N, C-alpha and C. Protein backbone atom coordinates (compact mmCIF):
# COMPACT_ATOMS: atom_id res chain seq x y z
N UNK A 1 23.38 -5.06 4.24
CA UNK A 1 22.62 -4.77 3.00
C UNK A 1 23.68 -3.57 2.29
N UNK A 2 23.67 -3.60 0.73
CA UNK A 2 24.14 -2.85 0.26
C UNK A 2 23.06 -1.52 0.05
N UNK A 3 23.65 -0.45 -0.31
CA UNK A 3 22.48 0.59 -0.99
C UNK A 3 21.89 0.27 -1.91
N UNK A 4 22.42 -0.58 -2.95
CA UNK A 4 21.57 -1.01 -4.05
C UNK A 4 20.75 -1.88 -3.67
N UNK A 5 20.88 -2.80 -2.70
CA UNK A 5 20.14 -3.76 -2.60
C UNK A 5 18.87 -3.22 -1.73
N UNK A 6 19.11 -2.20 -0.83
CA UNK A 6 17.92 -1.62 0.10
C UNK A 6 16.97 -0.68 -0.59
N UNK A 7 17.69 -0.33 -1.93
CA UNK A 7 16.61 0.42 -2.52
C UNK A 7 16.00 -0.43 -3.51
N UNK A 8 16.61 -1.66 -4.22
CA UNK A 8 15.77 -2.87 -4.54
C UNK A 8 14.48 -3.24 -3.84
N UNK A 9 14.92 -3.65 -2.48
CA UNK A 9 13.78 -3.86 -1.82
C UNK A 9 12.69 -2.95 -1.35
N UNK A 10 13.00 -1.78 -1.41
CA UNK A 10 12.00 -0.64 -1.50
C UNK A 10 11.31 -0.38 -2.78
N UNK A 11 11.79 -0.88 -3.79
CA UNK A 11 11.09 -0.71 -4.70
C UNK A 11 10.08 -1.95 -5.00
N UNK A 12 10.03 -2.88 -4.32
CA UNK A 12 9.28 -4.25 -4.47
C UNK A 12 8.36 -4.19 -3.28
N UNK A 13 8.31 -3.26 -2.30
CA UNK A 13 7.38 -3.49 -1.03
C UNK A 13 5.99 -2.77 -1.60
N UNK A 14 6.01 -1.75 -2.60
CA UNK A 14 4.48 -1.27 -3.30
C UNK A 14 4.18 -2.35 -4.03
N UNK A 15 3.12 -3.15 -4.11
CA UNK A 15 2.64 -4.11 -5.19
C UNK A 15 1.77 -3.20 -6.17
N UNK A 16 0.89 -2.60 -5.01
CA UNK A 16 -0.32 -1.65 -6.13
C UNK A 16 -1.39 -0.80 -5.27
N UNK A 17 -1.92 -0.05 -5.96
CA UNK A 17 -2.47 1.42 -5.33
C UNK A 17 -4.10 0.19 -5.37
N UNK A 18 -4.58 0.60 -4.00
CA UNK A 18 -6.21 0.05 -4.16
C UNK A 18 -7.12 0.86 -4.04
N UNK A 19 -7.68 0.85 -5.33
CA UNK A 19 -8.68 1.94 -5.99
C UNK A 19 -9.87 1.48 -5.54
N UNK A 20 -10.87 1.35 -4.74
CA UNK A 20 -11.77 0.84 -4.39
C UNK A 20 -12.79 2.18 -3.80
N UNK A 21 -14.12 1.83 -3.77
CA UNK A 21 -14.97 2.93 -3.27
C UNK A 21 -14.46 3.55 -1.73
N UNK A 22 -14.13 2.56 -1.05
CA UNK A 22 -14.16 2.97 0.38
C UNK A 22 -12.41 3.77 0.41
N UNK A 23 -11.59 3.22 -0.54
CA UNK A 23 -9.99 3.83 -0.97
C UNK A 23 -10.38 5.61 -1.13
N UNK A 24 -11.36 5.37 -2.12
CA UNK A 24 -11.58 7.00 -2.55
C UNK A 24 -12.24 7.47 -1.36
N UNK A 25 -13.18 7.10 -0.91
CA UNK A 25 -13.65 7.93 0.09
C UNK A 25 -12.78 8.43 1.08
N UNK A 26 -11.86 7.32 1.86
CA UNK A 26 -10.89 7.62 2.70
C UNK A 26 -10.13 8.93 2.20
N UNK A 27 -9.28 8.95 1.06
CA UNK A 27 -8.64 9.84 0.34
C UNK A 27 -9.29 10.97 0.29
N UNK A 28 -10.53 11.00 0.19
CA UNK A 28 -11.09 12.55 0.01
C UNK A 28 -11.58 13.05 1.50
N UNK A 29 -11.61 12.17 2.46
CA UNK A 29 -12.11 12.65 3.95
C UNK A 29 -10.80 13.01 4.46
N UNK A 30 -9.85 11.75 4.43
CA UNK A 30 -8.93 12.15 5.63
C UNK A 30 -7.41 12.06 5.03
N UNK A 31 -7.57 12.62 3.56
CA UNK A 31 -6.11 12.75 2.61
C UNK A 31 -5.05 11.54 2.87
N UNK A 32 -5.78 10.31 2.87
CA UNK A 32 -4.79 9.08 2.95
C UNK A 32 -4.99 8.08 1.31
N UNK A 33 -3.83 7.55 1.18
CA UNK A 33 -4.07 6.74 0.00
C UNK A 33 -3.65 5.09 0.45
N UNK A 34 -4.51 4.52 -0.10
CA UNK A 34 -4.42 3.07 0.42
C UNK A 34 -3.43 2.50 -0.61
N UNK A 35 -2.61 1.79 -0.37
CA UNK A 35 -1.30 0.65 -1.01
C UNK A 35 -1.48 -0.94 -0.51
N UNK A 36 -1.58 -1.76 -1.53
CA UNK A 36 -1.58 -2.91 -1.28
C UNK A 36 0.07 -3.37 -1.12
N UNK A 37 0.59 -3.83 -0.21
CA UNK A 37 1.94 -3.96 0.36
C UNK A 37 2.33 -5.56 0.36
N UNK A 38 3.66 -5.75 0.25
CA UNK A 38 4.27 -7.20 0.90
C UNK A 38 3.90 -7.21 1.84
N UNK A 39 3.66 -8.60 2.31
CA UNK A 39 2.91 -8.98 3.76
C UNK A 39 4.10 -9.01 4.58
N UNK A 40 5.22 -8.83 4.22
CA UNK A 40 6.70 -8.88 5.36
C UNK A 40 7.25 -7.31 5.34
N UNK A 41 6.44 -6.54 4.66
CA UNK A 41 6.82 -5.02 4.72
C UNK A 41 6.72 -4.54 6.19
N UNK A 42 7.43 -3.30 6.51
CA UNK A 42 7.32 -2.65 7.91
C UNK A 42 6.92 -1.48 7.60
N UNK A 43 6.25 -0.32 8.64
CA UNK A 43 5.88 0.85 8.46
C UNK A 43 6.89 1.91 7.80
N UNK A 44 8.18 1.46 8.27
CA UNK A 44 9.18 2.57 7.91
C UNK A 44 9.63 2.15 6.54
N UNK A 45 9.66 0.86 6.23
CA UNK A 45 9.86 0.37 4.90
C UNK A 45 8.99 1.16 3.76
N UNK A 46 7.57 1.03 4.13
CA UNK A 46 6.70 1.38 3.16
C UNK A 46 6.82 2.67 3.26
N UNK A 47 6.83 3.81 4.39
CA UNK A 47 7.37 4.91 4.10
C UNK A 47 8.41 5.33 3.19
N UNK A 48 9.54 4.80 3.31
CA UNK A 48 10.98 5.05 2.56
C UNK A 48 10.45 4.71 0.96
N UNK A 49 9.39 3.51 0.83
CA UNK A 49 9.07 3.18 -0.44
C UNK A 49 7.89 4.19 -1.32
N UNK A 50 7.00 4.71 -0.70
CA UNK A 50 6.56 5.78 -1.22
C UNK A 50 7.19 7.06 -1.38
N UNK A 51 7.97 7.28 -0.43
CA UNK A 51 8.84 8.69 -0.67
C UNK A 51 9.83 8.31 -1.99
N UNK A 52 10.20 7.27 -2.30
CA UNK A 52 11.00 7.06 -3.43
C UNK A 52 10.62 6.86 -4.53
N UNK A 53 9.40 6.30 -4.43
CA UNK A 53 8.85 6.15 -5.81
C UNK A 53 7.98 7.31 -6.31
N UNK A 54 7.25 7.76 -5.16
CA UNK A 54 6.18 8.92 -5.71
C UNK A 54 7.03 10.56 -5.68
N UNK A 55 8.06 10.57 -4.64
CA UNK A 55 8.44 11.68 -4.82
C UNK A 55 7.57 12.68 -4.02
N UNK A 56 7.26 12.44 -2.80
CA UNK A 56 6.31 13.06 -1.89
C UNK A 56 6.87 12.82 -0.48
N UNK A 57 6.36 13.67 0.41
CA UNK A 57 6.99 13.52 1.86
C UNK A 57 5.35 12.75 2.92
N UNK A 58 5.64 11.59 3.20
CA UNK A 58 5.12 10.96 4.05
C UNK A 58 4.71 11.31 5.46
N UNK A 59 3.77 11.47 5.96
CA UNK A 59 3.32 12.21 7.29
C UNK A 59 3.36 10.91 8.29
N UNK A 60 2.46 9.66 7.96
CA UNK A 60 2.07 8.73 8.79
C UNK A 60 1.72 7.37 7.83
N UNK A 61 1.91 6.19 8.59
CA UNK A 61 1.77 4.98 7.99
C UNK A 61 0.73 4.25 8.96
N UNK A 62 -0.20 3.85 8.38
CA UNK A 62 -1.21 2.67 9.01
C UNK A 62 -1.52 1.45 7.98
N UNK A 63 -1.03 0.48 9.15
CA UNK A 63 -0.98 -0.89 8.28
C UNK A 63 -1.91 -1.73 8.62
N UNK A 64 -3.11 -2.31 7.81
CA UNK A 64 -4.20 -3.53 8.10
C UNK A 64 -3.83 -5.06 7.61
N UNK A 65 -3.97 -6.17 8.24
CA UNK A 65 -3.47 -7.45 7.78
C UNK A 65 -4.90 -7.69 7.22
N UNK A 66 -5.08 -7.90 6.13
CA UNK A 66 -6.30 -8.49 5.37
C UNK A 66 -6.57 -10.14 5.40
N UNK A 67 -7.31 -10.64 5.87
CA UNK A 67 -7.57 -12.36 5.80
C UNK A 67 -8.24 -12.41 4.63
N UNK A 68 -7.60 -13.38 4.01
CA UNK A 68 -8.01 -14.15 2.71
C UNK A 68 -9.32 -14.59 2.92
N UNK A 69 -10.36 -14.38 1.95
CA UNK A 69 -11.71 -15.17 2.03
C UNK A 69 -11.64 -16.62 1.64
N UNK A 70 -12.60 -17.22 2.39
CA UNK A 70 -13.01 -18.56 2.02
C UNK A 70 -13.83 -18.60 0.82
N UNK A 71 -13.60 -19.29 -0.04
CA UNK A 71 -14.06 -19.36 -1.33
C UNK A 71 -14.87 -20.99 -1.34
N UNK A 72 -15.73 -21.18 -2.43
CA UNK A 72 -16.17 -22.51 -2.36
C UNK A 72 -16.92 -22.82 -3.82
N UNK A 73 -16.28 -24.04 -4.66
CA UNK A 73 -16.93 -24.26 -5.75
C UNK A 73 -17.33 -25.79 -5.76
N UNK A 74 -18.60 -25.86 -5.43
CA UNK A 74 -19.02 -27.14 -5.19
C UNK A 74 -18.87 -27.30 -3.95
N UNK A 75 -18.55 -28.72 -3.77
CA UNK A 75 -17.93 -29.44 -2.40
C UNK A 75 -16.64 -28.98 -2.39
N UNK A 76 -15.77 -28.33 -2.93
CA UNK A 76 -14.38 -27.77 -2.64
C UNK A 76 -14.17 -27.01 -2.11
N UNK A 77 -13.75 -26.43 -0.74
CA UNK A 77 -13.31 -25.09 -0.22
C UNK A 77 -11.93 -24.86 -0.55
N UNK A 78 -11.70 -23.41 -0.69
CA UNK A 78 -10.29 -23.19 -0.83
C UNK A 78 -10.24 -21.81 -0.21
N UNK A 79 -9.00 -21.18 0.11
CA UNK A 79 -8.73 -19.99 0.73
C UNK A 79 -8.04 -19.11 -0.14
N UNK A 80 -8.36 -18.02 -0.19
CA UNK A 80 -7.26 -16.86 -0.82
C UNK A 80 -6.11 -16.67 0.07
N UNK A 81 -4.93 -16.09 -0.40
CA UNK A 81 -4.05 -15.29 0.42
C UNK A 81 -4.52 -14.51 1.45
N UNK A 82 -3.66 -14.38 2.47
CA UNK A 82 -3.38 -13.25 3.56
C UNK A 82 -2.57 -11.91 2.76
N UNK A 83 -3.42 -10.91 3.06
CA UNK A 83 -2.63 -9.83 2.39
C UNK A 83 -2.51 -8.40 3.40
N UNK A 84 -1.82 -7.78 3.07
CA UNK A 84 -1.31 -6.31 3.94
C UNK A 84 -1.84 -5.16 3.00
N UNK A 85 -2.59 -3.99 3.95
CA UNK A 85 -2.73 -2.74 3.12
C UNK A 85 -2.47 -1.87 3.93
N UNK A 86 -1.90 -0.85 3.26
CA UNK A 86 -1.24 0.11 3.88
C UNK A 86 -2.06 1.69 3.73
N UNK A 87 -2.35 2.34 4.61
CA UNK A 87 -3.03 3.72 4.35
C UNK A 87 -1.87 4.74 4.54
N UNK A 88 -1.45 5.55 3.87
CA UNK A 88 -0.36 6.49 3.82
C UNK A 88 -0.89 7.76 3.86
N UNK A 89 -0.72 8.54 4.83
CA UNK A 89 -1.02 10.06 5.04
C UNK A 89 0.15 10.87 4.47
N UNK A 90 -0.03 11.79 3.89
CA UNK A 90 1.13 12.94 3.17
C UNK A 90 0.55 14.00 3.68
N UNK A 91 1.90 14.53 3.99
CA UNK A 91 2.23 16.04 4.72
C UNK A 91 1.37 17.07 3.71
N UNK A 92 0.48 18.00 4.68
CA UNK A 92 -0.11 18.78 3.63
C UNK A 92 0.55 19.34 2.48
N UNK A 93 -0.19 19.76 1.42
CA UNK A 93 0.27 20.33 0.34
C UNK A 93 1.05 19.19 -0.95
N UNK A 94 0.83 18.05 -0.06
CA UNK A 94 1.39 17.08 -1.01
C UNK A 94 0.47 16.05 -1.50
N UNK A 95 0.64 15.28 -2.88
CA UNK A 95 -0.36 14.74 -3.69
C UNK A 95 -0.08 13.88 -4.40
N UNK A 96 -0.72 12.35 -4.46
CA UNK A 96 -0.25 11.64 -5.60
C UNK A 96 -1.35 11.29 -6.77
N UNK A 97 -1.25 11.72 -8.21
CA UNK A 97 -2.21 11.71 -8.52
C UNK A 97 -1.99 10.51 -9.65
N UNK A 98 -2.97 9.37 -9.46
CA UNK A 98 -2.57 8.11 -10.08
C UNK A 98 -3.45 8.54 -11.56
N UNK A 99 -4.34 9.37 -11.69
CA UNK A 99 -4.75 9.40 -13.01
C UNK A 99 -3.97 10.18 -14.22
N UNK A 100 -2.85 10.92 -13.55
CA UNK A 100 -2.09 11.45 -14.59
C UNK A 100 -1.13 10.72 -15.04
N UNK A 101 -0.87 9.41 -14.16
CA UNK A 101 0.30 8.51 -14.65
C UNK A 101 1.53 8.76 -13.85
N UNK A 102 1.52 9.27 -12.60
CA UNK A 102 2.70 9.25 -12.22
C UNK A 102 3.20 7.84 -11.65
């Protein structure tokens, strides 16, 4: 892979920040930020992507595979897609502020 295609891949790894009550509690207590990431993303890719996009230093990455919920509409059952969540620990003194529009 060329350097440009690697950078393009890293820009596609992070899909969105997970801003929920649990994610906010984890951010306050453990200084971790939760992101929704591609299901084929690896820990080194997630670390490199966060460092590239947000210009911060990452200490560690923890990954959780989340199973999609089974939903029902009348007699019909459906299933949401499985997805992957990454908890990113930043090095001391580092911060990502989503409210400021970074």
